[in-house]
Amino acid sequence: VQLQASGGGLVQAGGSLRLSCAASVRTFSRYSMGWFRQAPGKEREFVAAITWSGGGSTSYADSVKGRFTISRDNAKNSVYLQMNALKPEDTAAYFCAGAPIGSTWSTWGQGTQVTVSS
């Protein structure tokens, strides 16, 4: 399984970005998918996740609730992160990750850099 993240960039505070993550796996619908981020000098932290099940339940870190939205398109083997009202503290490398049914986050993509200027 390979994950390819894209969509990062430089944006002013208050702006928006949409990250995408494409998965090369036939059983994508059986993976829960998530986004994590890591700022310089800090540990990687959870941002958002969406389950594999048909309903696609979502969860978010408190710091992004109400501003970020995770979604998936199983027909395109892709997961997205819509980021609105961005803040300088959202600056980080963002990683997508996949968890097969009954497993933990075992598959990681390369990071895509998001930089929010004040």
Protein backbone atom coordinates (compact mmCIF):
# COMPACT_ATOMS: atom_id res chain seq x y z
CA VAL A 1 0.00 0.00 0.00
CA GLN A 2 1.28 3.44 -0.92
CA LEU A 3 -0.15 6.79 0.09
CA GLN A 4 0.58 9.98 -1.82
CA ALA A 5 -0.31 13.26 -0.14
CA SER A 6 -0.57 16.57 -1.96
CA GLY A 7 -2.10 20.02 -1.72
CA GLY A 8 0.14 21.74 0.80
CA GLY A 9 1.41 25.26 0.33
CA LEU A 10 1.79 28.73 1.73
CA VAL A 11 -1.36 30.57 2.78
CA GLN A 12 -2.17 33.61 4.87
CA ALA A 13 -3.90 33.28 8.21
CA GLY A 14 -7.63 32.92 7.69
CA GLY A 15 -7.17 31.23 4.36
CA SER A 16 -8.01 27.72 3.20
CA LEU A 17 -6.25 24.69 1.74
CA ARG A 18 -7.43 21.26 0.68
CA LEU A 19 -5.11 18.33 1.13
CA SER A 20 -5.53 15.14 -0.85
CA CYS A 21 -4.18 11.65 -0.28
CA ALA A 22 -4.36 8.98 -2.97
CA ALA A 23 -4.00 5.33 -2.02
CA SER A 24 -2.73 2.56 -4.24
CA VAL A 25 -4.70 -0.31 -2.76
CA ARG A 26 -7.70 -2.25 -4.07
CA THR A 27 -9.30 -2.58 -0.65
CA PHE A 28 -9.23 1.13 0.19
CA SER A 29 -12.80 1.04 1.49
CA ARG A 30 -11.64 -1.34 4.23
CA TYR A 31 -9.12 1.16 5.59
CA SER A 32 -9.78 3.84 8.14
CA MET A 33 -7.87 6.92 7.03
CA GLY A 34 -6.36 9.74 9.01
CA TRP A 35 -4.36 12.91 8.88
CA PHE A 36 -1.54 13.73 11.27
CA ARG A 37 0.84 16.67 11.43
CA GLN A 38 4.28 17.44 12.76
CA ALA A 39 5.68 20.87 13.38
CA PRO A 40 9.44 21.47 13.72
CA GLY A 41 10.69 20.37 17.12
CA LYS A 42 7.35 18.81 18.04
CA GLU A 43 5.96 15.31 18.08
CA ARG A 44 3.58 14.09 15.40
CA GLU A 45 -0.02 14.70 16.43
CA PHE A 46 -3.42 13.44 15.36
CA VAL A 47 -5.53 15.84 13.29
CA ALA A 48 -8.54 13.93 11.92
CA ALA A 49 -9.75 10.46 10.98
CA ILE A 50 -12.56 8.82 9.07
CA THR A 51 -13.54 5.20 9.54
CA TRP A 52 -13.66 2.48 6.91
CA SER A 53 -17.31 1.68 7.48
CA GLY A 54 -20.01 2.81 5.11
CA GLY A 55 -21.05 5.68 7.33
CA GLY A 56 -17.56 7.07 7.51
CA SER A 57 -17.62 8.33 11.10
CA THR A 58 -15.21 11.21 11.68
CA SER A 59 -13.15 12.43 14.60
CA TYR A 60 -11.02 15.54 15.07
CA ALA A 61 -8.43 16.99 17.36
CA ASP A 62 -9.90 19.73 19.53
CA SER A 63 -7.56 22.25 17.96
CA VAL A 64 -9.10 21.83 14.50
CA LYS A 65 -12.76 21.11 15.28
CA GLY A 66 -15.06 23.40 13.36
CA ARG A 67 -12.30 24.44 10.96
CA PHE A 68 -11.13 21.21 9.30
CA THR A 69 -13.24 18.58 7.55
CA ILE A 70 -12.07 15.11 6.58
CA SER A 71 -13.81 13.21 3.81
CA ARG A 72 -13.18 10.24 1.55
CA ASP A 73 -14.10 9.05 -1.92
CA ASN A 74 -13.78 5.28 -2.06
CA ALA A 75 -14.34 5.26 -5.83
CA LYS A 76 -11.19 7.38 -6.20
CA ASN A 77 -9.21 5.69 -3.41
CA SER A 78 -8.73 9.11 -1.88
CA VAL A 79 -9.11 10.97 1.38
CA TYR A 80 -9.23 14.73 1.75
CA LEU A 81 -8.70 17.34 4.44
CA GLN A 82 -10.43 20.66 3.90
CA MET A 83 -8.74 23.24 6.11
CA ASN A 84 -10.48 26.57 6.67
CA ALA A 85 -9.71 29.53 8.91
CA LEU A 86 -6.08 28.50 9.03
CA LYS A 87 -3.88 29.79 11.82
CA PRO A 88 -0.09 30.16 12.03
CA GLU A 89 -0.08 27.35 14.59
CA ASP A 90 -1.42 24.99 11.89
CA THR A 91 1.96 25.24 10.17
CA ALA A 92 3.37 21.72 9.92
CA ALA A 93 4.10 18.81 7.66
CA TYR A 94 0.84 16.93 7.17
CA PHE A 95 0.82 13.16 6.74
CA CYS A 96 -1.96 10.83 5.70
CA ALA A 97 -2.15 7.38 7.24
CA GLY A 98 -4.16 4.23 6.77
CA ALA A 99 -5.35 1.59 9.22
CA PRO A 100 -6.72 -1.73 7.94
CA ILE A 101 -9.70 -3.18 9.77
CA GLY A 102 -8.65 -4.28 13.24
CA SER A 103 -5.21 -2.70 12.98
CA THR A 104 -3.49 0.51 13.93
CA TRP A 105 -2.05 3.24 11.70
CA SER A 106 0.32 1.01 9.76
CA THR A 107 0.65 2.78 6.43
CA TRP A 108 2.01 6.31 6.06
CA GLY A 109 2.43 8.66 3.16
CA GLN A 110 5.11 11.28 2.74
CA GLY A 111 4.36 14.66 4.26
CA THR A 112 3.02 17.70 2.50
CA GLN A 113 4.06 21.04 3.96
CA VAL A 114 1.48 23.58 5.08
CA THR A 115 2.76 27.02 6.05
CA VAL A 116 0.40 29.66 7.40
CA SER A 117 1.73 33.20 7.56
CA SER A 118 0.43 35.76 10.03
